[in-house]
Amino acid sequence: MLKEIFVTTVLISIFNQANCITNQTNTIKIHANKKDFIDGDKLVIDQCLVEDSSIKSANGEFFLIMEKNGNLVIYATNQKVPIWATNTDKTGGKRVCMQADSDFNMYSHSNTLIWSSKTKGLNGTYVKLQNNGKLEMFTKADKKVWETKK
């Protein structure tokens, strides 16, 4: 299934005859696969969080965010104190992905491995941010194979 995203860009043109700057707005359409949109409390195979993207628990009390500094962090929505983190700030981490081999890995811009759940081969198919603030990995049969520690 394809979704359309509308992105608006404001371009500043040259001075007009009255020496005023005129603006021009262009709208472009981008088509993307549904799996590219992260909405909800889990990441499935081939989905990634990139800088400043997040998922939230079903009850809305917790969120997992890939911070610009390279750290993947779980926060309580009403607090600024991390509940769990990869402690990878300033390491160049740019994205964290749920992979088909069952690993949940963070990579730099140059695809260098920064952090791993070390779950390769455990048949995990998705990670889910639970209503208690834990991030857990499950198999297709919903068997838990990994979780964050508080």
C-alpha atoms as a PDB file:
ATOM      1  CA  MET A   1       0.000   0.000   0.000  1.00  0.00           C
ATOM      2  CA  LEU A   2       1.367   3.423  -0.919  1.00  0.00           C
ATOM      3  CA  LYS A   3       0.831   6.631   0.985  1.00  0.00           C
ATOM      4  CA  GLU A   4       1.399  10.146  -0.281  1.00  0.00           C
ATOM      5  CA  ILE A   5       3.278  12.713   1.727  1.00  0.00           C
ATOM      6  CA  PHE A   6       2.981  16.365   0.822  1.00  0.00           C
ATOM      7  CA  VAL A   7       6.098  18.390   1.562  1.00  0.00           C
ATOM      8  CA  THR A   8       5.947  22.140   1.210  1.00  0.00           C
ATOM      9  CA  THR A   9       9.132  24.067   0.468  1.00  0.00           C
ATOM     10  CA  VAL A  10       9.408  27.845   0.522  1.00  0.00           C
ATOM     11  CA  LEU A  11      11.895  29.237  -1.977  1.00  0.00           C
ATOM     12  CA  ILE A  12      13.076  32.839  -1.808  1.00  0.00           C
ATOM     13  CA  SER A  13      13.266  34.418  -5.232  1.00  0.00           C
ATOM     14  CA  ILE A  14      15.244  37.467  -6.309  1.00  0.00           C
ATOM     15  CA  PHE A  15      14.144  41.041  -5.616  1.00  0.00           C
ATOM     16  CA  ASN A  16      11.166  42.082  -7.686  1.00  0.00           C
ATOM     17  CA  GLN A  17      10.821  45.466  -9.427  1.00  0.00           C
ATOM     18  CA  ALA A  18       9.722  47.154  -6.193  1.00  0.00           C
ATOM     19  CA  ASN A  19      12.874  45.868  -4.411  1.00  0.00           C
ATOM     20  CA  CYS A  20      10.791  43.480  -2.271  1.00  0.00           C
ATOM     21  CA  ILE A  21      11.675  39.842  -1.781  1.00  0.00           C
ATOM     22  CA  THR A  22       9.033  37.555  -3.206  1.00  0.00           C
ATOM     23  CA  ASN A  23       8.428  34.019  -2.013  1.00  0.00           C
ATOM     24  CA  GLN A  24       7.394  31.033  -4.061  1.00  0.00           C
ATOM     25  CA  THR A  25       5.929  27.888  -2.540  1.00  0.00           C
ATOM     26  CA  ASN A  26       6.234  24.499  -4.239  1.00  0.00           C
ATOM     27  CA  THR A  27       4.485  21.333  -3.132  1.00  0.00           C
ATOM     28  CA  ILE A  28       5.937  17.978  -4.064  1.00  0.00           C
ATOM     29  CA  LYS A  29       4.460  14.523  -3.620  1.00  0.00           C
ATOM     30  CA  ILE A  30       6.560  11.662  -2.292  1.00  0.00           C
ATOM     31  CA  HIS A  31       5.273   8.109  -2.531  1.00  0.00           C
ATOM     32  CA  ALA A  32       6.418   5.639   0.094  1.00  0.00           C
ATOM     33  CA  ASN A  33       5.539   2.147   1.229  1.00  0.00           C
ATOM     34  CA  LYS A  34       3.270   1.880   4.272  1.00  0.00           C
ATOM     35  CA  LYS A  35       6.040   0.118   6.245  1.00  0.00           C
ATOM     36  CA  ASP A  36       8.141   3.297   5.969  1.00  0.00           C
ATOM     37  CA  PHE A  37       5.718   5.131   8.276  1.00  0.00           C
ATOM     38  CA  ILE A  38       6.202   4.470  11.977  1.00  0.00           C
ATOM     39  CA  ASP A  39       2.901   4.864  13.763  1.00  0.00           C
ATOM     40  CA  GLY A  40       2.169   3.101  16.997  1.00  0.00           C
ATOM     41  CA  ASP A  41       4.094   1.099  19.548  1.00  0.00           C
ATOM     42  CA  LYS A  42       6.275  -1.265  17.494  1.00  0.00           C
ATOM     43  CA  LEU A  43       8.864  -1.652  14.775  1.00  0.00           C
ATOM     44  CA  VAL A  44       8.604  -4.628  12.439  1.00  0.00           C
ATOM     45  CA  ILE A  45      11.271  -6.130  10.179  1.00  0.00           C
ATOM     46  CA  ASP A  46      12.861  -3.500   7.921  1.00  0.00           C
ATOM     47  CA  GLN A  47      11.522  -0.564   9.939  1.00  0.00           C
ATOM     48  CA  CYS A  48      13.956   1.910  11.461  1.00  0.00           C
ATOM     49  CA  LEU A  49      13.933   4.884  13.756  1.00  0.00           C
ATOM     50  CA  VAL A  50      16.098   7.702  12.437  1.00  0.00           C
ATOM     51  CA  GLU A  51      17.203  10.868  14.223  1.00  0.00           C
ATOM     52  CA  ASP A  52      14.327  12.490  16.111  1.00  0.00           C
ATOM     53  CA  SER A  53      11.829   9.756  15.224  1.00  0.00           C
ATOM     54  CA  SER A  54      10.028   7.788  17.886  1.00  0.00           C
ATOM     55  CA  ILE A  55       7.359   5.295  18.796  1.00  0.00           C
ATOM     56  CA  LYS A  56       5.132   5.461  21.848  1.00  0.00           C
ATOM     57  CA  SER A  57       3.491   2.870  24.063  1.00  0.00           C
ATOM     58  CA  ALA A  58      -0.195   2.096  23.459  1.00  0.00           C
ATOM     59  CA  ASN A  59      -1.155   3.882  26.688  1.00  0.00           C
ATOM     60  CA  GLY A  60       0.881   6.940  25.653  1.00  0.00           C
ATOM     61  CA  GLU A  61       2.885   6.960  28.894  1.00  0.00           C
ATOM     62  CA  PHE A  62       6.284   6.080  27.345  1.00  0.00           C
ATOM     63  CA  PHE A  63       8.179   6.818  24.164  1.00  0.00           C
ATOM     64  CA  LEU A  64      11.309   5.435  22.496  1.00  0.00           C
ATOM     65  CA  ILE A  65      13.298   8.025  20.563  1.00  0.00           C
ATOM     66  CA  MET A  66      16.406   7.935  18.401  1.00  0.00           C
ATOM     67  CA  GLU A  67      18.032  11.143  19.568  1.00  0.00           C
ATOM     68  CA  LYS A  68      20.174  13.376  17.352  1.00  0.00           C
ATOM     69  CA  ASN A  69      23.167  12.703  19.607  1.00  0.00           C
ATOM     70  CA  GLY A  70      23.127   8.990  18.668  1.00  0.00           C
ATOM     71  CA  ASN A  71      21.440   7.683  21.802  1.00  0.00           C
ATOM     72  CA  LEU A  72      18.325   5.463  21.719  1.00  0.00           C
ATOM     73  CA  VAL A  73      16.302   6.300  24.829  1.00  0.00           C
ATOM     74  CA  ILE A  74      13.029   5.344  26.534  1.00  0.00           C
ATOM     75  CA  TYR A  75      11.368   8.176  28.456  1.00  0.00           C
ATOM     76  CA  ALA A  76       8.218   8.437  30.507  1.00  0.00           C
ATOM     77  CA  THR A  77       6.071  10.984  28.661  1.00  0.00           C
ATOM     78  CA  ASN A  78       5.712  13.209  31.718  1.00  0.00           C
ATOM     79  CA  GLN A  79       9.405  13.061  32.775  1.00  0.00           C
ATOM     80  CA  LYS A  80      12.736  14.085  31.289  1.00  0.00           C
ATOM     81  CA  VAL A  81      14.684  11.300  33.005  1.00  0.00           C
ATOM     82  CA  PRO A  82      15.590   8.296  30.823  1.00  0.00           C
ATOM     83  CA  ILE A  83      14.172   4.939  31.892  1.00  0.00           C
ATOM     84  CA  TRP A  84      16.573   3.046  29.594  1.00  0.00           C
ATOM     85  CA  ALA A  85      19.200   4.029  27.025  1.00  0.00           C
ATOM     86  CA  THR A  86      21.799   2.458  24.757  1.00  0.00           C
ATOM     87  CA  ASN A  87      24.359   4.952  26.131  1.00  0.00           C
ATOM     88  CA  THR A  88      25.599   5.576  22.614  1.00  0.00           C
ATOM     89  CA  ASP A  89      25.505   9.370  22.619  1.00  0.00           C
ATOM     90  CA  LYS A  90      28.303  10.985  20.590  1.00  0.00           C
ATOM     91  CA  THR A  91      29.104   7.677  18.814  1.00  0.00           C
ATOM     92  CA  GLY A  92      27.625   8.638  15.452  1.00  0.00           C
ATOM     93  CA  GLY A  93      24.462   6.521  15.701  1.00  0.00           C
ATOM     94  CA  LYS A  94      21.951   7.659  13.084  1.00  0.00           C
ATOM     95  CA  ARG A  95      19.327   4.895  12.893  1.00  0.00           C
ATOM     96  CA  VAL A  96      18.186   1.769  14.714  1.00  0.00           C
ATOM     97  CA  CYS A  97      16.505  -1.003  12.714  1.00  0.00           C
ATOM     98  CA  MET A  98      14.584  -4.220  13.287  1.00  0.00           C
ATOM     99  CA  GLN A  99      16.308  -6.673  10.941  1.00  0.00           C
ATOM    100  CA  ALA A 100      15.154  -9.894   9.296  1.00  0.00           C
ATOM    101  CA  ASP A 101      17.936 -11.827  11.080  1.00  0.00           C
ATOM    102  CA  SER A 102      16.279 -10.888  14.415  1.00  0.00           C
ATOM    103  CA  ASP A 103      18.883  -8.291  15.425  1.00  0.00           C
ATOM    104  CA  PHE A 104      17.819  -4.833  16.530  1.00  0.00           C
ATOM    105  CA  ASN A 105      20.857  -2.769  15.532  1.00  0.00           C
ATOM    106  CA  MET A 106      22.011   0.832  15.501  1.00  0.00           C
ATOM    107  CA  TYR A 107      24.151   2.092  12.628  1.00  0.00           C
ATOM    108  CA  SER A 108      26.129   5.214  11.817  1.00  0.00           C
ATOM    109  CA  HIS A 109      25.701   7.224   8.628  1.00  0.00           C
ATOM    110  CA  SER A 110      28.467   5.076   7.056  1.00  0.00           C
ATOM    111  CA  ASN A 111      26.687   1.828   8.125  1.00  0.00           C
ATOM    112  CA  THR A 112      29.116   1.083  10.954  1.00  0.00           C
ATOM    113  CA  LEU A 113      27.489  -1.000  13.703  1.00  0.00           C
ATOM    114  CA  ILE A 114      27.219   1.130  16.855  1.00  0.00           C
ATOM    115  CA  TRP A 115      24.971  -1.000  19.123  1.00  0.00           C
ATOM    116  CA  SER A 116      23.171  -4.345  18.946  1.00  0.00           C
ATOM    117  CA  SER A 117      20.516  -6.221  20.883  1.00  0.00           C
ATOM    118  CA  LYS A 118      22.589  -9.349  20.086  1.00  0.00           C
ATOM    119  CA  THR A 119      19.453 -11.304  19.234  1.00  0.00           C
ATOM    120  CA  LYS A 120      20.491 -12.671  15.824  1.00  0.00           C
ATOM    121  CA  GLY A 121      18.889 -16.054  15.193  1.00  0.00           C
ATOM    122  CA  LEU A 122      16.226 -15.789  17.923  1.00  0.00           C
ATOM    123  CA  ASN A 123      13.443 -15.418  15.314  1.00  0.00           C
ATOM    124  CA  GLY A 124      12.329 -11.996  16.532  1.00  0.00           C
ATOM    125  CA  THR A 125      10.041 -10.244  14.071  1.00  0.00           C
ATOM    126  CA  TYR A 126       9.220  -7.034  15.934  1.00  0.00           C
ATOM    127  CA  VAL A 127      10.080  -4.874  18.935  1.00  0.00           C
ATOM    128  CA  LYS A 128       7.275  -3.323  20.939  1.00  0.00           C
ATOM    129  CA  LEU A 129       7.309  -0.549  23.528  1.00  0.00           C
ATOM    130  CA  GLN A 130       5.157  -1.918  26.319  1.00  0.00           C
ATOM    131  CA  ASN A 131       2.831   0.027  28.617  1.00  0.00           C
ATOM    132  CA  ASN A 132       5.322  -0.526  31.478  1.00  0.00           C
ATOM    133  CA  GLY A 133       8.144   1.264  29.622  1.00  0.00           C
ATOM    134  CA  LYS A 134      10.087  -1.815  28.533  1.00  0.00           C
ATOM    135  CA  LEU A 135      11.085  -2.436  24.943  1.00  0.00           C
ATOM    136  CA  GLU A 136      10.556  -6.121  24.128  1.00  0.00           C
ATOM    137  CA  MET A 137      11.216  -8.281  21.074  1.00  0.00           C
ATOM    138  CA  PHE A 138       8.768 -10.966  19.986  1.00  0.00           C
ATOM    139  CA  THR A 139       8.617 -13.800  17.469  1.00  0.00           C
ATOM    140  CA  LYS A 140       5.852 -14.146  14.896  1.00  0.00           C
ATOM    141  CA  ALA A 141       4.086 -16.393  17.469  1.00  0.00           C
ATOM    142  CA  ASP A 142       4.328 -13.557  20.048  1.00  0.00           C
ATOM    143  CA  LYS A 143       6.953 -15.321  22.171  1.00  0.00           C
ATOM    144  CA  LYS A 144       9.190 -12.788  23.966  1.00  0.00           C
ATOM    145  CA  VAL A 145      12.891 -13.304  23.168  1.00  0.00           C
ATOM    146  CA  TRP A 146      14.475 -10.069  24.473  1.00  0.00           C
ATOM    147  CA  GLU A 147      13.723  -7.074  26.658  1.00  0.00           C
ATOM    148  CA  THR A 148      15.373  -3.946  27.982  1.00  0.00           C
ATOM    149  CA  LYS A 149      16.366  -3.878  31.613  1.00  0.00           C
ATOM    150  CA  LYS A 150      15.318  -0.938  33.752  1.00  0.00           C
END
